[in-house]
Amino acid sequence: MFEQIIAITLMNLRNIPARAGASSVIIVGIAGVVAVLMALLAMAAGFSQALENTGRPDRAIVLRGGSNGELASGLSAETVAILSNLPGVSHASGELYTIVDVPKRSTGTPANLVVRGVTDQAFLLRPEVQIISGRSFVPGRREVIVGRGAAEEFVGLEPGAEIGFRDSAWVVVGLFAADAGAAESEIWGDLAVAQAAFRRGGTVSSLRLGLDRPERAEELRALVDDDPRLDVALRPEPEFYAAQATRLNTLITGFGYVVAGIMAVGAVFAALNTMYSAVSGRSVEIATLRALGFGAAPLVISVMIEALLLALMGGLLGAGGAWLAFGDTTLSTLAGFTQLAFKIRMTTDILFTALVWALVIGAIGGLLPALRAARIPITVALRGT
């Protein structure tokens, strides 16, 4: 039977060029499904990675109790002092988190961009933050450094540029990278100057804590929850950013599968039509093989192999197109009330998932025509009807 399968399959494959137009319908249809699915899954993966790269297990974030993000939070100087002296805290960075409107490069319309007021403790807590152009801001001056993601997405944030917000002018003195994390979509400046400019007094939006060991976060959470002086929520950074990512990641992934599923239905019908036509056009040939002693099983398997190979070609074409078109693309999307820039992340797992989809479509599209080929009565097929 194995020899029969090889013989029939090779004969079918040699006939593909004669049916190039019909075969291309399968290839192009499946390529479209794969390209769309990969693009949307890569968007979700890139967004998740941007937030995952921001969170470290040996860091914790403290917000006001009941706050679902830094923008809605506020901590007094007294609260910051108490939390900064908790056991196991190596560094404490009180930070102001606010948003300003800056025009986007793609549309020219203003969009929300994070301005974060920090002290030198922020750099000690985040060793991943590195100046890649220019220099860092000088404390006490209206100078800022800009994440490279923000500089790519927004207008007028290159070193030497002057930007205005809250009736004051600020000079961009440097660009920084942060391992492709969320911080790259922010502007950083001196905390005291930012507090004065945004009229925040001595309050901060959040407090970052550097911990001597990752397990310390749960101990401090219990300690903070039991302290009657404090109305705050302490969370490890990975937990905080995972919660921020879940909703949008689920939305993008779900949308990707829905769109790909709808397109897959069309691709299945295209494959069915093409394979039925191929079987019908070879009915005499198939009947002749049956009369010569070839079994039904080799016929079914050979047609399935042909459908799967066409599907694989479509899958590889779609994957290659998606990889070339989106492999190094930077996008931005709303994360809370602000824009988060991130790179589309093509991975081998996404490629594998997309190719599995392609093969499943090919298998579904080839199964019924393959069974029909095996069930055609020899006498009917020999008449070409």
Protein backbone atom coordinates (compact mmCIF):
# COMPACT_ATOMS: atom_id res chain seq x y z
CA MET A 1 0.00 0.00 0.00
CA PHE A 2 2.91 2.33 0.77
CA GLU A 3 4.20 1.96 -2.80
CA GLN A 4 0.73 2.69 -4.16
CA ILE A 5 0.47 5.84 -2.03
CA ILE A 6 3.82 7.10 -3.35
CA ALA A 7 2.94 6.34 -6.94
CA ILE A 8 -0.48 8.04 -6.85
CA THR A 9 0.81 11.02 -4.85
CA LEU A 10 3.65 11.66 -7.30
CA MET A 11 1.21 11.48 -10.18
CA ASN A 12 -1.11 13.96 -8.45
CA LEU A 13 1.75 16.36 -7.71
CA ARG A 14 2.96 16.25 -11.32
CA ASN A 15 -0.51 17.37 -12.37
CA ILE A 16 -0.56 20.42 -10.09
CA PRO A 17 1.05 22.76 -12.69
CA ALA A 18 -1.79 21.90 -15.08
CA ARG A 19 -4.19 23.09 -12.36
CA ALA A 20 -2.13 26.07 -11.25
CA GLY A 21 -5.06 28.47 -11.25
CA ALA A 22 -7.31 26.26 -9.15
CA SER A 23 -4.49 25.28 -6.79
CA SER A 24 -3.53 28.90 -6.24
CA VAL A 25 -7.02 29.51 -4.81
CA ILE A 26 -6.19 27.19 -1.92
CA ILE A 27 -2.69 28.62 -1.47
CA VAL A 28 -3.75 32.27 -1.49
CA GLY A 29 -6.80 31.69 0.70
CA ILE A 30 -4.82 29.87 3.38
CA ALA A 31 -1.97 32.40 3.09
CA GLY A 32 -4.44 35.16 3.97
CA VAL A 33 -5.69 33.27 7.02
CA VAL A 34 -2.17 32.61 8.27
CA ALA A 35 -0.96 36.18 7.68
CA VAL A 36 -3.89 37.75 9.57
CA LEU A 37 -3.68 35.26 12.43
CA MET A 38 0.07 35.69 12.82
CA ALA A 39 -0.14 39.49 12.72
CA LEU A 40 -2.78 39.68 15.45
CA LEU A 41 -1.16 37.05 17.65
CA ALA A 42 2.19 38.83 17.26
CA MET A 43 0.55 42.10 18.31
CA ALA A 44 -0.76 40.45 21.48
CA ALA A 45 2.63 38.85 22.17
CA GLY A 46 4.45 42.16 21.68
CA PHE A 47 2.08 44.01 23.99
CA SER A 48 2.43 41.35 26.68
CA GLN A 49 6.22 41.32 26.37
CA ALA A 50 6.38 45.10 26.76
CA LEU A 51 4.62 44.84 30.10
CA GLU A 52 6.36 41.63 31.17
CA ASN A 53 9.76 43.25 30.54
CA THR A 54 8.76 46.06 32.88
CA GLY A 55 7.96 43.88 35.88
CA ARG A 56 10.70 42.32 38.02
CA PRO A 57 10.05 39.86 40.89
CA ASP A 58 12.39 41.74 43.23
CA ARG A 59 10.38 44.95 42.86
CA ALA A 60 6.96 45.91 44.20
CA ILE A 61 4.61 48.79 43.46
CA VAL A 62 2.45 50.49 46.07
CA LEU A 63 -0.73 52.38 45.18
CA ARG A 64 -3.48 53.95 47.20
CA GLY A 65 -6.07 51.40 48.31
CA GLY A 66 -8.77 50.88 45.71
CA SER A 67 -6.76 52.37 42.84
CA ASN A 68 -6.58 50.33 39.66
CA GLY A 69 -3.61 52.23 38.26
CA GLU A 70 -1.03 54.90 38.97
CA LEU A 71 -3.09 57.69 37.40
CA ALA A 72 -5.85 57.31 40.01
CA SER A 73 -3.49 56.86 42.95
CA GLY A 74 -1.98 59.27 45.44
CA LEU A 75 0.36 58.74 48.39
CA SER A 76 1.28 61.27 51.06
CA ALA A 77 4.85 61.98 52.14
CA GLU A 78 4.10 60.33 55.52
CA THR A 79 2.93 57.13 53.84
CA VAL A 80 6.01 57.08 51.61
CA ALA A 81 8.27 57.47 54.65
CA ILE A 82 6.61 54.56 56.47
CA LEU A 83 6.79 52.25 53.45
CA SER A 84 10.37 53.18 52.61
CA ASN A 85 11.52 51.89 56.01
CA LEU A 86 9.87 48.50 55.82
CA PRO A 87 12.19 45.52 56.44
CA GLY A 88 13.89 44.14 53.36
CA VAL A 89 13.48 47.32 51.29
CA SER A 90 16.78 48.26 49.64
CA HIS A 91 15.52 51.18 47.53
CA ALA A 92 12.34 53.24 47.51
CA SER A 93 11.28 55.47 44.63
CA GLY A 94 8.31 57.78 45.07
CA GLU A 95 7.08 58.74 41.60
CA LEU A 96 4.61 61.18 40.09
CA TYR A 97 2.56 59.75 37.24
CA THR A 98 0.56 62.07 35.00
CA ILE A 99 -0.34 62.45 31.34
CA VAL A 100 0.06 65.18 28.74
CA ASP A 101 -1.15 65.55 25.14
CA VAL A 102 1.51 65.22 22.44
CA PRO A 103 0.85 64.90 18.67
CA LYS A 104 1.40 61.45 17.17
CA ARG A 105 3.60 61.04 14.12
CA SER A 106 1.13 58.79 12.33
CA THR A 107 -1.94 61.02 12.61
CA GLY A 108 -0.76 64.42 13.84
CA THR A 109 -3.52 64.37 16.45
CA PRO A 110 -2.73 64.70 20.18
CA ALA A 111 -2.66 61.54 22.28
CA ASN A 112 -1.97 60.83 25.94
CA LEU A 113 1.68 60.38 26.91
CA VAL A 114 2.97 59.58 30.39
CA VAL A 115 5.17 62.05 32.24
CA ARG A 116 6.86 60.46 35.24
CA GLY A 117 8.56 62.49 37.92
CA VAL A 118 11.42 60.53 39.50
CA THR A 119 14.50 60.82 41.69
CA ASP A 120 17.84 59.06 41.39
CA GLN A 121 16.28 56.10 43.24
CA ALA A 122 14.26 55.30 40.11
CA PHE A 123 17.45 54.60 38.17
CA LEU A 124 18.86 52.44 40.98
CA LEU A 125 15.64 50.45 41.03
CA ARG A 126 15.54 50.04 37.26
CA PRO A 127 19.03 49.12 36.02
CA GLU A 128 17.47 48.30 32.66
CA VAL A 129 16.95 52.03 32.04
CA GLN A 130 19.96 53.20 30.04
CA ILE A 131 20.62 56.54 28.32
CA ILE A 132 21.21 55.79 24.63
CA SER A 133 21.46 59.37 23.34
CA GLY A 134 22.28 62.65 25.06
CA ARG A 135 22.37 62.71 28.86
CA SER A 136 20.12 62.40 31.87
CA PHE A 137 18.21 65.37 33.29
CA VAL A 138 19.74 67.53 36.00
CA PRO A 139 17.67 67.62 39.23
CA GLY A 140 16.00 70.99 39.76
CA ARG A 141 15.85 71.85 36.05
CA ARG A 142 12.97 71.57 33.60
CA GLU A 143 14.72 68.88 31.63
CA VAL A 144 13.37 65.51 30.58
CA ILE A 145 14.53 62.27 29.04
CA VAL A 146 12.29 60.40 26.62
CA GLY A 147 11.81 56.66 26.09
CA ARG A 148 12.77 55.55 22.60
CA GLY A 149 9.29 54.12 22.01
CA ALA A 150 7.71 57.48 22.77
CA ALA A 151 10.25 59.27 20.55
CA GLU A 152 9.33 56.98 17.65
CA GLU A 153 5.58 57.44 18.07
CA PHE A 154 5.28 61.13 18.97
CA VAL A 155 6.38 64.38 17.34
CA GLY A 156 9.06 66.68 18.72
CA LEU A 157 10.70 64.46 21.34
CA GLU A 158 14.23 64.25 19.94
CA PRO A 159 17.17 65.52 22.06
CA GLY A 160 17.42 69.29 21.96
CA ALA A 161 13.71 69.77 21.31
CA GLU A 162 11.60 71.94 23.59
CA ILE A 163 8.17 70.70 24.61
CA GLY A 164 5.50 72.54 26.53
CA PHE A 165 3.00 71.31 29.06
CA ARG A 166 1.25 72.91 32.02
CA ASP A 167 2.26 76.41 30.90
CA SER A 168 5.96 75.59 31.10
CA ALA A 169 8.71 74.68 28.66
CA TRP A 170 10.83 71.57 29.11
CA VAL A 171 13.96 70.62 27.19
CA VAL A 172 14.56 67.07 25.97
CA VAL A 173 18.15 66.25 26.91
CA GLY A 174 18.30 62.52 26.22
CA LEU A 175 16.71 59.30 25.04
CA PHE A 176 16.63 56.10 27.06
CA ALA A 177 15.94 52.40 26.53
CA ALA A 178 14.41 50.01 29.07
CA ASP A 179 14.58 46.48 27.64
CA ALA A 180 11.54 47.22 25.43
CA GLY A 181 9.43 47.69 28.55
CA ALA A 182 6.56 50.06 29.23
CA ALA A 183 8.94 52.76 30.51
CA GLU A 184 10.07 53.32 26.92
CA SER A 185 6.67 54.92 26.25
CA GLU A 186 7.20 57.57 28.93
CA ILE A 187 8.87 60.92 29.56
CA TRP A 188 10.94 61.18 32.75
CA GLY A 189 11.85 64.33 34.64
CA ASP A 190 12.85 65.47 38.10
CA LEU A 191 10.21 64.67 40.74
CA ALA A 192 10.34 67.94 42.64
CA VAL A 193 10.11 70.03 39.47
CA ALA A 194 7.24 67.90 38.16
CA GLN A 195 5.36 68.17 41.46
CA ALA A 196 5.62 71.96 41.31
CA ALA A 197 4.65 72.14 37.61
CA PHE A 198 1.62 69.90 38.03
CA ARG A 199 0.67 71.36 41.43
CA ARG A 200 0.89 68.12 43.35
CA GLY A 201 2.53 69.45 46.52
CA GLY A 202 4.48 66.69 48.25
CA THR A 203 2.33 63.77 47.08
CA VAL A 204 3.36 61.05 44.67
CA SER A 205 1.25 58.71 42.56
CA SER A 206 3.06 55.50 43.40
CA LEU A 207 5.98 54.07 45.29
CA ARG A 208 8.38 51.52 43.82
CA LEU A 209 10.20 49.30 46.31
CA GLY A 210 13.39 47.38 45.63
CA LEU A 211 13.39 44.15 47.66
CA ASP A 212 16.30 42.14 49.00
CA ARG A 213 14.63 38.96 47.69
CA PRO A 214 11.54 38.25 45.57
CA GLU A 215 9.76 36.36 48.39
CA ARG A 216 9.79 39.53 50.46
CA ALA A 217 6.86 40.97 48.48
CA GLU A 218 4.30 38.63 50.06
CA GLU A 219 5.66 39.30 53.54
CA LEU A 220 5.41 43.06 53.02
CA ARG A 221 1.93 42.76 51.54
CA ALA A 222 0.70 41.05 54.71
CA LEU A 223 2.53 43.60 56.87
CA VAL A 224 1.03 46.55 54.99
CA ASP A 225 -2.48 45.09 55.04
CA ASP A 226 -2.32 44.75 58.83
CA ASP A 227 -1.04 48.30 59.45
CA PRO A 228 -3.97 50.57 60.46
CA ARG A 229 -2.00 53.68 59.44
CA LEU A 230 -1.90 52.61 55.79
CA ASP A 231 -4.61 52.50 53.16
CA VAL A 232 -2.51 51.13 50.33
CA ALA A 233 -2.17 48.08 48.11
CA LEU A 234 1.26 46.49 47.63
CA ARG A 235 1.73 44.18 44.65
CA PRO A 236 4.78 42.55 43.08
CA GLU A 237 5.54 44.22 39.75
CA PRO A 238 4.95 41.09 37.61
CA GLU A 239 1.50 40.70 39.15
CA PHE A 240 0.65 44.35 38.60
CA TYR A 241 1.69 44.40 34.94
CA ALA A 242 0.12 41.00 34.22
CA ALA A 243 -3.21 42.41 35.37
CA GLN A 244 -2.71 45.46 33.14
CA ALA A 245 -1.97 43.24 30.13
CA THR A 246 -4.65 40.59 30.52
CA ARG A 247 -7.66 42.48 29.22
CA LEU A 248 -6.13 43.89 26.04
CA ASN A 249 -4.15 40.73 25.35
CA THR A 250 -7.33 38.66 25.59
CA LEU A 251 -9.16 41.12 23.34
CA ILE A 252 -6.49 41.09 20.62
CA THR A 253 -6.04 37.31 20.73
CA GLY A 254 -9.78 36.65 20.70
CA PHE A 255 -10.29 39.06 17.82
CA GLY A 256 -7.45 37.38 15.93
CA TYR A 257 -8.98 33.92 16.25
CA VAL A 258 -12.45 35.18 15.32
CA VAL A 259 -11.22 36.94 12.18
CA ALA A 260 -8.99 34.00 11.24
CA GLY A 261 -11.87 31.60 11.87
CA ILE A 262 -14.17 33.53 9.52
CA MET A 263 -11.47 33.60 6.85
CA ALA A 264 -10.76 29.92 7.46
CA VAL A 265 -14.35 29.02 6.59
CA GLY A 266 -13.89 30.69 3.21
CA ALA A 267 -10.55 28.95 2.73
CA VAL A 268 -12.12 25.56 3.53
CA PHE A 269 -14.81 26.08 0.90
CA ALA A 270 -12.16 27.14 -1.60
CA ALA A 271 -10.16 24.01 -0.81
CA LEU A 272 -13.26 21.82 -1.10
CA ASN A 273 -14.16 23.30 -4.47
CA THR A 274 -10.62 22.98 -5.80
CA MET A 275 -10.12 19.42 -4.60
CA TYR A 276 -13.55 18.31 -5.83
CA SER A 277 -12.69 19.76 -9.25
CA ALA A 278 -9.34 17.98 -9.20
CA VAL A 279 -10.95 14.66 -8.32
CA SER A 280 -13.69 15.11 -10.91
CA GLY A 281 -11.18 15.96 -13.62
CA ARG A 282 -9.20 12.81 -12.85
CA SER A 283 -12.17 10.46 -12.50
CA VAL A 284 -11.15 8.32 -15.50
CA GLU A 285 -7.57 8.25 -14.27
CA ILE A 286 -8.70 7.22 -10.78
CA ALA A 287 -11.00 4.51 -12.19
CA THR A 288 -8.15 3.15 -14.28
CA LEU A 289 -5.95 2.91 -11.22
CA ARG A 290 -8.71 1.11 -9.34
CA ALA A 291 -9.13 -1.33 -12.24
CA LEU A 292 -5.38 -1.98 -12.15
CA GLY A 293 -5.64 -3.01 -8.51
CA PHE A 294 -4.90 0.19 -6.61
CA GLY A 295 -6.84 0.27 -3.33
CA ALA A 296 -9.24 2.92 -2.03
CA ALA A 297 -7.04 3.79 0.96
CA PRO A 298 -4.03 4.88 -1.15
CA LEU A 299 -6.37 7.09 -3.19
CA VAL A 300 -7.76 8.76 -0.08
CA ILE A 301 -4.31 9.28 1.42
CA SER A 302 -2.82 10.61 -1.82
CA VAL A 303 -5.58 13.23 -2.22
CA MET A 304 -5.17 14.23 1.42
CA ILE A 305 -1.40 14.57 0.95
CA GLU A 306 -1.98 16.83 -2.06
CA ALA A 307 -4.41 19.03 -0.09
CA LEU A 308 -2.02 19.22 2.88
CA LEU A 309 0.94 20.15 0.67
CA LEU A 310 -1.05 22.95 -0.96
CA ALA A 311 -2.14 24.10 2.52
CA LEU A 312 1.45 24.01 3.74
CA MET A 313 2.55 26.11 0.76
CA GLY A 314 -0.17 28.62 1.59
CA GLY A 315 0.80 28.60 5.25
CA LEU A 316 4.46 29.24 4.49
CA LEU A 317 3.56 31.98 2.01
CA GLY A 318 1.32 33.71 4.56
CA ALA A 319 3.86 33.29 7.36
CA GLY A 320 6.66 34.70 5.23
CA GLY A 321 4.54 37.64 4.18
CA ALA A 322 3.51 38.40 7.76
CA TRP A 323 7.09 38.11 8.99
CA LEU A 324 8.43 40.46 6.30
CA ALA A 325 5.59 42.96 6.67
CA PHE A 326 5.35 43.12 10.46
CA GLY A 327 8.51 41.52 11.86
CA ASP A 328 10.13 44.80 12.97
CA THR A 329 7.08 47.04 13.27
CA THR A 330 6.44 49.31 16.25
CA LEU A 331 2.82 49.95 17.18
CA SER A 332 1.11 51.80 19.97
CA THR A 333 -2.17 51.22 21.71
CA LEU A 334 -4.10 52.50 24.67
CA ALA A 335 -3.01 50.94 27.96
CA GLY A 336 -5.35 52.45 30.50
CA PHE A 337 -5.55 56.13 29.53
CA THR A 338 -2.15 56.35 27.87
CA GLN A 339 -0.38 55.21 24.73
CA LEU A 340 1.99 52.26 25.06
CA ALA A 341 4.45 51.70 22.23
CA PHE A 342 5.55 48.12 21.59
CA LYS A 343 7.14 46.02 18.89
CA ILE A 344 5.19 43.28 17.12
CA ARG A 345 6.72 40.01 18.31
CA MET A 346 6.86 37.18 15.81
CA THR A 347 7.79 33.91 17.53
CA THR A 348 8.23 30.30 16.50
CA ASP A 349 5.23 29.39 18.69
CA ILE A 350 3.04 31.77 16.68
CA LEU A 351 4.44 30.35 13.43
CA PHE A 352 3.70 26.82 14.61
CA THR A 353 0.13 27.76 15.59
CA ALA A 354 -0.50 29.41 12.23
CA LEU A 355 0.88 26.43 10.28
CA VAL A 356 -1.29 24.06 12.29
CA TRP A 357 -4.28 26.18 11.28
CA ALA A 358 -3.19 25.94 7.65
CA LEU A 359 -2.86 22.15 7.79
CA VAL A 360 -6.22 21.75 9.54
CA ILE A 361 -7.89 23.84 6.83
CA GLY A 362 -6.18 21.72 4.18
CA ALA A 363 -7.21 18.49 5.89
CA ILE A 364 -10.85 19.56 6.15
CA GLY A 365 -10.87 20.78 2.56
CA GLY A 366 -9.30 17.59 1.25
CA LEU A 367 -11.15 14.95 3.27
CA LEU A 368 -14.53 14.88 1.50
CA PRO A 369 -13.05 15.02 -2.02
CA ALA A 370 -10.65 12.24 -1.03
CA LEU A 371 -13.50 10.04 0.17
CA ARG A 372 -15.44 10.79 -3.02
CA ALA A 373 -12.46 9.71 -5.10
CA ALA A 374 -12.41 6.36 -3.33
CA ARG A 375 -16.17 5.79 -3.61
CA ILE A 376 -16.71 6.56 -7.31
CA PRO A 377 -17.85 3.32 -8.97
CA ILE A 378 -15.28 2.22 -11.50
CA THR A 379 -17.81 1.81 -14.30
CA VAL A 380 -19.21 5.31 -13.74
CA ALA A 381 -15.78 6.88 -13.53
CA LEU A 382 -14.58 5.19 -16.71
CA ARG A 383 -17.44 6.86 -18.59
CA GLY A 384 -16.14 10.23 -17.27
CA THR A 385 -19.48 11.06 -15.58
